[in-house]
Amino acid sequence: MEKTLVIVRGVPGSGKSTFASLITSFVCTADDHFMKGGKYMFDRNQLGAAHKACIDKCEWGMHTALPVIAVANTSVHAKDLKPYIDLANKYGYKVISTIVENRHG
């Protein structure tokens, strides 16, 4: 089976993480960094650390050769995708990028 990285993109609250969890149990999100005791505690000053932790988790999954990895972040700009695409190239993963929309609540 070909190793696959699925990059799930979309606006906040669109269902990115929910969709990602339907396709794999290994989901990387920057939002995970802001979860404290089961509560989402966003801190703009921690965005860099949150994305670094997400990239590191993704690389760990690739180093371990997990068959399907999903990254679920807003990923608005091409530069947001680059670290993940670079990792996919390094570890031999096919990349699929998809956009999630929540049009029906």
PDB file of N, CA and C in Angstrom:
ATOM      1  N   MET A   1       0.842  -1.185   0.000  1.00  0.00           N
ATOM      2  CA  MET A   1       0.000   0.000   0.000  1.00  0.00           C
ATOM      3  C   MET A   1       0.885   1.245   0.000  1.00  0.00           C
ATOM      4  N   GLU A   2       0.520   2.202  -0.813  1.00  0.00           N
ATOM      5  CA  GLU A   2       1.277   3.440  -0.917  1.00  0.00           C
ATOM      6  C   GLU A   2       1.049   4.311   0.322  1.00  0.00           C
ATOM      7  N   LYS A   3       2.131   4.871   0.849  1.00  0.00           N
ATOM      8  CA  LYS A   3       2.013   5.777   1.996  1.00  0.00           C
ATOM      9  C   LYS A   3       1.416   7.094   1.508  1.00  0.00           C
ATOM     10  N   THR A   4       0.446   7.618   2.288  1.00  0.00           N
ATOM     11  CA  THR A   4      -0.297   8.793   1.841  1.00  0.00           C
ATOM     12  C   THR A   4      -0.395   9.824   2.949  1.00  0.00           C
ATOM     13  N   LEU A   5      -0.148  11.075   2.584  1.00  0.00           N
ATOM     14  CA  LEU A   5      -0.384  12.221   3.448  1.00  0.00           C
ATOM     15  C   LEU A   5      -1.585  12.965   2.897  1.00  0.00           C
ATOM     16  N   VAL A   6      -2.615  13.129   3.733  1.00  0.00           N
ATOM     17  CA  VAL A   6      -3.799  13.865   3.330  1.00  0.00           C
ATOM     18  C   VAL A   6      -3.784  15.200   4.071  1.00  0.00           C
ATOM     19  N   ILE A   7      -3.706  16.284   3.322  1.00  0.00           N
ATOM     20  CA  ILE A   7      -3.740  17.623   3.906  1.00  0.00           C
ATOM     21  C   ILE A   7      -5.173  18.121   3.789  1.00  0.00           C
ATOM     22  N   VAL A   8      -5.804  18.307   4.950  1.00  0.00           N
ATOM     23  CA  VAL A   8      -7.201  18.727   5.008  1.00  0.00           C
ATOM     24  C   VAL A   8      -7.226  20.209   5.365  1.00  0.00           C
ATOM     25  N   ARG A   9      -7.785  21.004   4.454  1.00  0.00           N
ATOM     26  CA  ARG A   9      -7.778  22.454   4.600  1.00  0.00           C
ATOM     27  C   ARG A   9      -9.200  22.981   4.729  1.00  0.00           C
ATOM     28  N   GLY A  10      -9.345  24.140   5.376  1.00  0.00           N
ATOM     29  CA  GLY A  10     -10.653  24.765   5.467  1.00  0.00           C
ATOM     30  C   GLY A  10     -10.684  25.805   6.565  1.00  0.00           C
ATOM     31  N   VAL A  11     -11.764  26.564   6.588  1.00  0.00           N
ATOM     32  CA  VAL A  11     -11.911  27.610   7.596  1.00  0.00           C
ATOM     33  C   VAL A  11     -12.145  26.974   8.964  1.00  0.00           C
ATOM     34  N   PRO A  12     -11.889  27.726  10.048  1.00  0.00           N
ATOM     35  CA  PRO A  12     -12.144  27.201  11.381  1.00  0.00           C
ATOM     36  C   PRO A  12     -13.606  26.747  11.531  1.00  0.00           C
ATOM     37  N   GLY A  13     -13.782  25.592  12.121  1.00  0.00           N
ATOM     38  CA  GLY A  13     -15.118  25.064  12.364  1.00  0.00           C
ATOM     39  C   GLY A  13     -15.760  24.362  11.181  1.00  0.00           C
ATOM     40  N   SER A  14     -15.017  24.166  10.108  1.00  0.00           N
ATOM     41  CA  SER A  14     -15.591  23.548   8.912  1.00  0.00           C
ATOM     42  C   SER A  14     -15.659  22.025   8.991  1.00  0.00           C
ATOM     43  N   GLY A  15     -14.985  21.431   9.959  1.00  0.00           N
ATOM     44  CA  GLY A  15     -15.017  19.976  10.086  1.00  0.00           C
ATOM     45  C   GLY A  15     -13.752  19.280   9.611  1.00  0.00           C
ATOM     46  N   LYS A  16     -12.660  20.018   9.546  1.00  0.00           N
ATOM     47  CA  LYS A  16     -11.395  19.440   9.075  1.00  0.00           C
ATOM     48  C   LYS A  16     -10.971  18.241   9.912  1.00  0.00           C
ATOM     49  N   SER A  17     -10.928  18.420  11.219  1.00  0.00           N
ATOM     50  CA  SER A  17     -10.478  17.337  12.105  1.00  0.00           C
ATOM     51  C   SER A  17     -11.442  16.155  12.080  1.00  0.00           C
ATOM     52  N   THR A  18     -12.723  16.458  12.018  1.00  0.00           N
ATOM     53  CA  THR A  18     -13.723  15.387  11.951  1.00  0.00           C
ATOM     54  C   THR A  18     -13.542  14.566  10.682  1.00  0.00           C
ATOM     55  N   PHE A  19     -13.392  15.237   9.558  1.00  0.00           N
ATOM     56  CA  PHE A  19     -13.167  14.535   8.293  1.00  0.00           C
ATOM     57  C   PHE A  19     -11.869  13.730   8.349  1.00  0.00           C
ATOM     58  N   ALA A  20     -10.799  14.363   8.837  1.00  0.00           N
ATOM     59  CA  ALA A  20      -9.503  13.681   8.905  1.00  0.00           C
ATOM     60  C   ALA A  20      -9.596  12.410   9.743  1.00  0.00           C
ATOM     61  N   SER A  21     -10.334  12.464  10.841  1.00  0.00           N
ATOM     62  CA  SER A  21     -10.440  11.287  11.716  1.00  0.00           C
ATOM     63  C   SER A  21     -11.259  10.166  11.078  1.00  0.00           C
ATOM     64  N   LEU A  22     -12.016  10.471  10.045  1.00  0.00           N
ATOM     65  CA  LEU A  22     -12.745   9.424   9.321  1.00  0.00           C
ATOM     66  C   LEU A  22     -11.829   8.621   8.406  1.00  0.00           C
ATOM     67  N   ILE A  23     -10.707   9.219   8.001  1.00  0.00           N
ATOM     68  CA  ILE A  23      -9.837   8.533   7.042  1.00  0.00           C
ATOM     69  C   ILE A  23      -8.596   7.919   7.681  1.00  0.00           C
ATOM     70  N   THR A  24      -8.264   8.353   8.909  1.00  0.00           N
ATOM     71  CA  THR A  24      -7.107   7.788   9.601  1.00  0.00           C
ATOM     72  C   THR A  24      -7.204   8.092  11.092  1.00  0.00           C
ATOM     73  N   SER A  25      -6.526   7.271  11.873  1.00  0.00           N
ATOM     74  CA  SER A  25      -6.486   7.529  13.320  1.00  0.00           C
ATOM     75  C   SER A  25      -5.307   8.429  13.687  1.00  0.00           C
ATOM     76  N   PHE A  26      -4.435   8.725  12.731  1.00  0.00           N
ATOM     77  CA  PHE A  26      -3.275   9.565  13.008  1.00  0.00           C
ATOM     78  C   PHE A  26      -3.485  10.931  12.359  1.00  0.00           C
ATOM     79  N   VAL A  27      -3.970  11.869  13.169  1.00  0.00           N
ATOM     80  CA  VAL A  27      -4.305  13.214  12.694  1.00  0.00           C
ATOM     81  C   VAL A  27      -3.421  14.229  13.408  1.00  0.00           C
ATOM     82  N   CYS A  28      -2.804  15.099  12.647  1.00  0.00           N
ATOM     83  CA  CYS A  28      -1.961  16.161  13.183  1.00  0.00           C
ATOM     84  C   CYS A  28      -2.679  17.494  13.001  1.00  0.00           C
ATOM     85  N   THR A  29      -2.808  18.246  14.086  1.00  0.00           N
ATOM     86  CA  THR A  29      -3.402  19.581  13.997  1.00  0.00           C
ATOM     87  C   THR A  29      -2.637  20.542  14.896  1.00  0.00           C
ATOM     88  N   ALA A  30      -2.539  21.776  14.475  1.00  0.00           N
ATOM     89  CA  ALA A  30      -1.944  22.804  15.334  1.00  0.00           C
ATOM     90  C   ALA A  30      -2.849  23.051  16.542  1.00  0.00           C
ATOM     91  N   ASP A  31      -4.154  22.856  16.376  1.00  0.00           N
ATOM     92  CA  ASP A  31      -5.098  23.061  17.475  1.00  0.00           C
ATOM     93  C   ASP A  31      -4.815  22.162  18.678  1.00  0.00           C
ATOM     94  N   ASP A  32      -4.214  21.002  18.442  1.00  0.00           N
ATOM     95  CA  ASP A  32      -3.897  20.099  19.562  1.00  0.00           C
ATOM     96  C   ASP A  32      -3.044  20.804  20.619  1.00  0.00           C
ATOM     97  N   HIS A  33      -2.196  21.708  20.174  1.00  0.00           N
ATOM     98  CA  HIS A  33      -1.301  22.433  21.077  1.00  0.00           C
ATOM     99  C   HIS A  33      -2.073  23.309  22.068  1.00  0.00           C
ATOM    100  N   PHE A  34      -3.261  23.715  21.675  1.00  0.00           N
ATOM    101  CA  PHE A  34      -4.058  24.619  22.499  1.00  0.00           C
ATOM    102  C   PHE A  34      -5.056  23.898  23.406  1.00  0.00           C
ATOM    103  N   MET A  35      -5.063  22.586  23.365  1.00  0.00           N
ATOM    104  CA  MET A  35      -5.966  21.824  24.234  1.00  0.00           C
ATOM    105  C   MET A  35      -5.305  21.648  25.608  1.00  0.00           C
ATOM    106  N   LYS A  36      -5.967  22.173  26.619  1.00  0.00           N
ATOM    107  CA  LYS A  36      -5.460  22.100  27.999  1.00  0.00           C
ATOM    108  C   LYS A  36      -6.581  21.571  28.887  1.00  0.00           C
ATOM    109  N   GLY A  37      -6.406  20.371  29.416  1.00  0.00           N
ATOM    110  CA  GLY A  37      -7.417  19.789  30.285  1.00  0.00           C
ATOM    111  C   GLY A  37      -8.769  19.639  29.619  1.00  0.00           C
ATOM    112  N   GLY A  38      -8.768  19.305  28.334  1.00  0.00           N
ATOM    113  CA  GLY A  38     -10.008  19.114  27.607  1.00  0.00           C
ATOM    114  C   GLY A  38     -10.661  20.398  27.112  1.00  0.00           C
ATOM    115  N   LYS A  39     -10.005  21.536  27.319  1.00  0.00           N
ATOM    116  CA  LYS A  39     -10.541  22.823  26.860  1.00  0.00           C
ATOM    117  C   LYS A  39      -9.603  23.432  25.826  1.00  0.00           C
ATOM    118  N   TYR A  40     -10.202  24.104  24.860  1.00  0.00           N
ATOM    119  CA  TYR A  40      -9.431  24.791  23.823  1.00  0.00           C
ATOM    120  C   TYR A  40      -9.064  26.174  24.349  1.00  0.00           C
ATOM    121  N   MET A  41      -7.754  26.419  24.538  1.00  0.00           N
ATOM    122  CA  MET A  41      -7.254  27.669  25.103  1.00  0.00           C
ATOM    123  C   MET A  41      -6.297  28.324  24.093  1.00  0.00           C
ATOM    124  N   PHE A  42      -6.868  29.002  23.098  1.00  0.00           N
ATOM    125  CA  PHE A  42      -6.060  29.612  22.034  1.00  0.00           C
ATOM    126  C   PHE A  42      -5.234  30.775  22.579  1.00  0.00           C
ATOM    127  N   ASP A  43      -3.979  30.822  22.147  1.00  0.00           N
ATOM    128  CA  ASP A  43      -3.076  31.924  22.482  1.00  0.00           C
ATOM    129  C   ASP A  43      -2.285  32.256  21.225  1.00  0.00           C
ATOM    130  N   ARG A  44      -2.596  33.393  20.632  1.00  0.00           N
ATOM    131  CA  ARG A  44      -1.950  33.819  19.381  1.00  0.00           C
ATOM    132  C   ARG A  44      -0.421  33.750  19.474  1.00  0.00           C
ATOM    133  N   ASN A  45       0.114  34.033  20.652  1.00  0.00           N
ATOM    134  CA  ASN A  45       1.573  34.025  20.840  1.00  0.00           C
ATOM    135  C   ASN A  45       2.161  32.624  20.728  1.00  0.00           C
ATOM    136  N   GLN A  46       1.333  31.599  20.763  1.00  0.00           N
ATOM    137  CA  GLN A  46       1.803  30.219  20.691  1.00  0.00           C
ATOM    138  C   GLN A  46       1.625  29.586  19.303  1.00  0.00           C
ATOM    139  N   LEU A  47       1.201  30.382  18.321  1.00  0.00           N
ATOM    140  CA  LEU A  47       0.945  29.825  16.991  1.00  0.00           C
ATOM    141  C   LEU A  47       2.181  29.158  16.377  1.00  0.00           C
ATOM    142  N   GLY A  48       3.322  29.805  16.508  1.00  0.00           N
ATOM    143  CA  GLY A  48       4.548  29.219  15.962  1.00  0.00           C
ATOM    144  C   GLY A  48       4.856  27.878  16.592  1.00  0.00           C
ATOM    145  N   ALA A  49       4.746  27.807  17.916  1.00  0.00           N
ATOM    146  CA  ALA A  49       5.000  26.548  18.633  1.00  0.00           C
ATOM    147  C   ALA A  49       3.968  25.491  18.257  1.00  0.00           C
ATOM    148  N   ALA A  50       2.725  25.914  18.060  1.00  0.00           N
ATOM    149  CA  ALA A  50       1.662  24.976  17.703  1.00  0.00           C
ATOM    150  C   ALA A  50       1.931  24.342  16.339  1.00  0.00           C
ATOM    151  N   HIS A  51       2.342  25.151  15.378  1.00  0.00           N
ATOM    152  CA  HIS A  51       2.619  24.608  14.046  1.00  0.00           C
ATOM    153  C   HIS A  51       3.888  23.767  14.041  1.00  0.00           C
ATOM    154  N   LYS A  52       4.876  24.136  14.826  1.00  0.00           N
ATOM    155  CA  LYS A  52       6.084  23.312  14.938  1.00  0.00           C
ATOM    156  C   LYS A  52       5.737  21.944  15.512  1.00  0.00           C
ATOM    157  N   ALA A  53       4.901  21.916  16.561  1.00  0.00           N
ATOM    158  CA  ALA A  53       4.497  20.644  17.164  1.00  0.00           C
ATOM    159  C   ALA A  53       3.731  19.783  16.154  1.00  0.00           C
ATOM    160  N   CYS A  54       2.907  20.420  15.336  1.00  0.00           N
ATOM    161  CA  CYS A  54       2.155  19.694  14.317  1.00  0.00           C
ATOM    162  C   CYS A  54       3.091  19.091  13.270  1.00  0.00           C
ATOM    163  N   ILE A  55       4.047  19.870  12.814  1.00  0.00           N
ATOM    164  CA  ILE A  55       5.032  19.385  11.839  1.00  0.00           C
ATOM    165  C   ILE A  55       5.844  18.245  12.442  1.00  0.00           C
ATOM    166  N   ASP A  56       6.273  18.401  13.691  1.00  0.00           N
ATOM    167  CA  ASP A  56       7.060  17.348  14.361  1.00  0.00           C
ATOM    168  C   ASP A  56       6.268  16.058  14.489  1.00  0.00           C
ATOM    169  N   LYS A  57       4.975  16.167  14.839  1.00  0.00           N
ATOM    170  CA  LYS A  57       4.135  14.969  14.958  1.00  0.00           C
ATOM    171  C   LYS A  57       3.997  14.290  13.602  1.00  0.00           C
ATOM    172  N   CYS A  58       3.792  15.077  12.560  1.00  0.00           N
ATOM    173  CA  CYS A  58       3.683  14.538  11.213  1.00  0.00           C
ATOM    174  C   CYS A  58       4.964  13.798  10.822  1.00  0.00           C
ATOM    175  N   GLU A  59       6.100  14.417  11.108  1.00  0.00           N
ATOM    176  CA  GLU A  59       7.370  13.759  10.765  1.00  0.00           C
ATOM    177  C   GLU A  59       7.556  12.473  11.557  1.00  0.00           C
ATOM    178  N   TRP A  60       7.158  12.462  12.814  1.00  0.00           N
ATOM    179  CA  TRP A  60       7.254  11.227  13.610  1.00  0.00           C
ATOM    180  C   TRP A  60       6.447  10.115  12.944  1.00  0.00           C
ATOM    181  N   GLY A  61       5.225  10.459  12.507  1.00  0.00           N
ATOM    182  CA  GLY A  61       4.387   9.467  11.833  1.00  0.00           C
ATOM    183  C   GLY A  61       5.012   8.954  10.557  1.00  0.00           C
ATOM    184  N   MET A  62       5.640   9.834   9.805  1.00  0.00           N
ATOM    185  CA  MET A  62       6.294   9.426   8.566  1.00  0.00           C
ATOM    186  C   MET A  62       7.531   8.593   8.846  1.00  0.00           C
ATOM    187  N   HIS A  63       8.308   8.992   9.833  1.00  0.00           N
ATOM    188  CA  HIS A  63       9.500   8.223  10.216  1.00  0.00           C
ATOM    189  C   HIS A  63       9.110   6.807  10.640  1.00  0.00           C
ATOM    190  N   THR A  64       7.952   6.700  11.263  1.00  0.00           N
ATOM    191  CA  THR A  64       7.433   5.404  11.712  1.00  0.00           C
ATOM    192  C   THR A  64       6.789   4.637  10.555  1.00  0.00           C
ATOM    193  N   ALA A  65       6.634   5.293   9.407  1.00  0.00           N
ATOM    194  CA  ALA A  65       6.060   4.708   8.186  1.00  0.00           C
ATOM    195  C   ALA A  65       4.588   4.353   8.337  1.00  0.00           C
ATOM    196  N   LEU A  66       3.834   5.208   9.030  1.00  0.00           N
ATOM    197  CA  LEU A  66       2.394   5.002   9.103  1.00  0.00           C
ATOM    198  C   LEU A  66       1.811   5.101   7.694  1.00  0.00           C
ATOM    199  N   PRO A  67       0.846   4.261   7.354  1.00  0.00           N
ATOM    200  CA  PRO A  67       0.354   4.239   5.975  1.00  0.00           C
ATOM    201  C   PRO A  67      -0.447   5.472   5.563  1.00  0.00           C
ATOM    202  N   VAL A  68      -1.230   6.052   6.487  1.00  0.00           N
ATOM    203  CA  VAL A  68      -2.029   7.230   6.165  1.00  0.00           C
ATOM    204  C   VAL A  68      -1.906   8.231   7.309  1.00  0.00           C
ATOM    205  N   ILE A  69      -1.503   9.432   6.965  1.00  0.00           N
ATOM    206  CA  ILE A  69      -1.373  10.529   7.929  1.00  0.00           C
ATOM    207  C   ILE A  69      -2.214  11.681   7.409  1.00  0.00           C
ATOM    208  N   ALA A  70      -2.959  12.315   8.316  1.00  0.00           N
ATOM    209  CA  ALA A  70      -3.727  13.494   7.933  1.00  0.00           C
ATOM    210  C   ALA A  70      -3.243  14.698   8.721  1.00  0.00           C
ATOM    211  N   VAL A  71      -3.146  15.815   8.039  1.00  0.00           N
ATOM    212  CA  VAL A  71      -2.850  17.099   8.674  1.00  0.00           C
ATOM    213  C   VAL A  71      -4.090  17.960   8.459  1.00  0.00           C
ATOM    214  N   ALA A  72      -4.674  18.442   9.557  1.00  0.00           N
ATOM    215  CA  ALA A  72      -5.910  19.227   9.472  1.00  0.00           C
ATOM    216  C   ALA A  72      -5.677  20.613  10.069  1.00  0.00           C
ATOM    217  N   ASN A  73      -5.348  21.556   9.210  1.00  0.00           N
ATOM    218  CA  ASN A  73      -5.133  22.947   9.590  1.00  0.00           C
ATOM    219  C   ASN A  73      -5.812  23.839   8.551  1.00  0.00           C
ATOM    220  N   THR A  74      -5.938  25.118   8.840  1.00  0.00           N
ATOM    221  CA  THR A  74      -6.567  26.006   7.867  1.00  0.00           C
ATOM    222  C   THR A  74      -5.777  26.036   6.560  1.00  0.00           C
ATOM    223  N   SER A  75      -4.455  26.088   6.627  1.00  0.00           N
ATOM    224  CA  SER A  75      -3.565  26.021   5.452  1.00  0.00           C
ATOM    225  C   SER A  75      -4.049  26.906   4.315  1.00  0.00           C
ATOM    226  N   VAL A  76      -4.107  28.194   4.579  1.00  0.00           N
ATOM    227  CA  VAL A  76      -4.629  29.168   3.628  1.00  0.00           C
ATOM    228  C   VAL A  76      -3.654  29.440   2.486  1.00  0.00           C
ATOM    229  N   HIS A  77      -2.368  29.468   2.790  1.00  0.00           N
ATOM    230  CA  HIS A  77      -1.349  29.851   1.809  1.00  0.00           C
ATOM    231  C   HIS A  77      -0.485  28.648   1.432  1.00  0.00           C
ATOM    232  N   ALA A  78       0.117  28.722   0.253  1.00  0.00           N
ATOM    233  CA  ALA A  78       1.009  27.659  -0.213  1.00  0.00           C
ATOM    234  C   ALA A  78       2.149  27.426   0.777  1.00  0.00           C
ATOM    235  N   LYS A  79       2.639  28.494   1.410  1.00  0.00           N
ATOM    236  CA  LYS A  79       3.740  28.351   2.376  1.00  0.00           C
ATOM    237  C   LYS A  79       3.327  27.503   3.578  1.00  0.00           C
ATOM    238  N   ASP A  80       2.014  27.435   3.861  1.00  0.00           N
ATOM    239  CA  ASP A  80       1.531  26.606   4.965  1.00  0.00           C
ATOM    240  C   ASP A  80       1.648  25.120   4.644  1.00  0.00           C
ATOM    241  N   LEU A  81       1.589  24.787   3.373  1.00  0.00           N
ATOM    242  CA  LEU A  81       1.668  23.391   2.933  1.00  0.00           C
ATOM    243  C   LEU A  81       3.100  22.907   2.769  1.00  0.00           C
ATOM    244  N   LYS A  82       4.015  23.826   2.502  1.00  0.00           N
ATOM    245  CA  LYS A  82       5.387  23.472   2.142  1.00  0.00           C
ATOM    246  C   LYS A  82       6.083  22.536   3.133  1.00  0.00           C
ATOM    247  N   PRO A  83       6.037  22.785   4.444  1.00  0.00           N
ATOM    248  CA  PRO A  83       6.754  21.863   5.343  1.00  0.00           C
ATOM    249  C   PRO A  83       6.247  20.422   5.237  1.00  0.00           C
ATOM    250  N   TYR A  84       4.947  20.261   5.012  1.00  0.00           N
ATOM    251  CA  TYR A  84       4.368  18.924   4.914  1.00  0.00           C
ATOM    252  C   TYR A  84       4.696  18.262   3.586  1.00  0.00           C
ATOM    253  N   ILE A  85       4.697  19.037   2.526  1.00  0.00           N
ATOM    254  CA  ILE A  85       5.071  18.495   1.221  1.00  0.00           C
ATOM    255  C   ILE A  85       6.545  18.111   1.212  1.00  0.00           C
ATOM    256  N   ASP A  86       7.383  18.948   1.836  1.00  0.00           N
ATOM    257  CA  ASP A  86       8.808  18.615   1.946  1.00  0.00           C
ATOM    258  C   ASP A  86       9.008  17.304   2.714  1.00  0.00           C
ATOM    259  N   LEU A  87       8.268  17.130   3.809  1.00  0.00           N
ATOM    260  CA  LEU A  87       8.362  15.881   4.575  1.00  0.00           C
ATOM    261  C   LEU A  87       7.883  14.696   3.742  1.00  0.00           C
ATOM    262  N   ALA A  88       6.796  14.882   3.013  1.00  0.00           N
ATOM    263  CA  ALA A  88       6.270  13.804   2.175  1.00  0.00           C
ATOM    264  C   ALA A  88       7.312  13.373   1.141  1.00  0.00           C
ATOM    265  N   ASN A  89       7.973  14.340   0.543  1.00  0.00           N
ATOM    266  CA  ASN A  89       9.028  14.009  -0.421  1.00  0.00           C
ATOM    267  C   ASN A  89      10.181  13.283   0.258  1.00  0.00           C
ATOM    268  N   LYS A  90      10.557  13.717   1.438  1.00  0.00           N
ATOM    269  CA  LYS A  90      11.658  13.101   2.172  1.00  0.00           C
ATOM    270  C   LYS A  90      11.358  11.645   2.536  1.00  0.00           C
ATOM    271  N   TYR A  91      10.116  11.362   2.924  1.00  0.00           N
ATOM    272  CA  TYR A  91       9.762  10.028   3.413  1.00  0.00           C
ATOM    273  C   TYR A  91       8.985   9.185   2.406  1.00  0.00           C
ATOM    274  N   GLY A  92       8.800   9.685   1.183  1.00  0.00           N
ATOM    275  CA  GLY A  92       8.157   8.895   0.132  1.00  0.00           C
ATOM    276  C   GLY A  92       6.645   8.772   0.264  1.00  0.00           C
ATOM    277  N   TYR A  93       5.978   9.841   0.684  1.00  0.00           N
ATOM    278  CA  TYR A  93       4.522   9.852   0.797  1.00  0.00           C
ATOM    279  C   TYR A  93       3.895  10.553  -0.396  1.00  0.00           C
ATOM    280  N   LYS A  94       2.799   9.987  -0.877  1.00  0.00           N
ATOM    281  CA  LYS A  94       1.964  10.653  -1.876  1.00  0.00           C
ATOM    282  C   LYS A  94       1.138  11.697  -1.123  1.00  0.00           C
ATOM    283  N   VAL A  95       0.929  12.872  -1.727  1.00  0.00           N
ATOM    284  CA  VAL A  95       0.184  13.951  -1.070  1.00  0.00           C
ATOM    285  C   VAL A  95      -1.163  14.151  -1.757  1.00  0.00           C
ATOM    286  N   ILE A  96      -2.197  14.194  -0.933  1.00  0.00           N
ATOM    287  CA  ILE A  96      -3.533  14.562  -1.388  1.00  0.00           C
ATOM    288  C   ILE A  96      -3.951  15.767  -0.558  1.00  0.00           C
ATOM    289  N   SER A  97      -4.405  16.820  -1.217  1.00  0.00           N
ATOM    290  CA  SER A  97      -4.892  18.007  -0.520  1.00  0.00           C
ATOM    291  C   SER A  97      -6.382  18.151  -0.813  1.00  0.00           C
ATOM    292  N   THR A  98      -7.153  18.367   0.240  1.00  0.00           N
ATOM    293  CA  THR A  98      -8.593  18.522   0.071  1.00  0.00           C
ATOM    294  C   THR A  98      -9.095  19.682   0.926  1.00  0.00           C
ATOM    295  N   ILE A  99     -10.139  20.328   0.472  1.00  0.00           N
ATOM    296  CA  ILE A  99     -10.731  21.451   1.211  1.00  0.00           C
ATOM    297  C   ILE A  99     -12.095  21.013   1.739  1.00  0.00           C
ATOM    298  N   VAL A 100     -12.315  21.246   3.023  1.00  0.00           N
ATOM    299  CA  VAL A 100     -13.576  20.902   3.669  1.00  0.00           C
ATOM    300  C   VAL A 100     -14.401  22.164   3.823  1.00  0.00           C
ATOM    301  N   GLU A 101     -15.670  22.066   3.470  1.00  0.00           N
ATOM    302  CA  GLU A 101     -16.620  23.159   3.654  1.00  0.00           C
ATOM    303  C   GLU A 101     -17.790  22.639   4.470  1.00  0.00           C
ATOM    304  N   ASN A 102     -18.349  23.503   5.300  1.00  0.00           N
ATOM    305  CA  ASN A 102     -19.514  23.124   6.085  1.00  0.00           C
ATOM    306  C   ASN A 102     -20.684  23.974   5.596  1.00  0.00           C
ATOM    307  N   ARG A 103     -21.335  23.499   4.559  1.00  0.00           N
ATOM    308  CA  ARG A 103     -22.428  24.262   3.954  1.00  0.00           C
ATOM    309  C   ARG A 103     -23.795  23.930   4.545  1.00  0.00           C
ATOM    310  N   HIS A 104     -23.854  22.868   5.319  1.00  0.00           N
ATOM    311  CA  HIS A 104     -25.148  22.401   5.811  1.00  0.00           C
ATOM    312  C   HIS A 104     -25.199  22.298   7.322  1.00  0.00           C
ATOM    313  N   GLY A 105     -24.306  23.004   8.020  1.00  0.00           N
ATOM    314  CA  GLY A 105     -24.295  23.001   9.473  1.00  0.00           C
ATOM    315  C   GLY A 105     -23.774  21.716  10.025  1.00  0.00           C
TER     316      GLY A 105
END
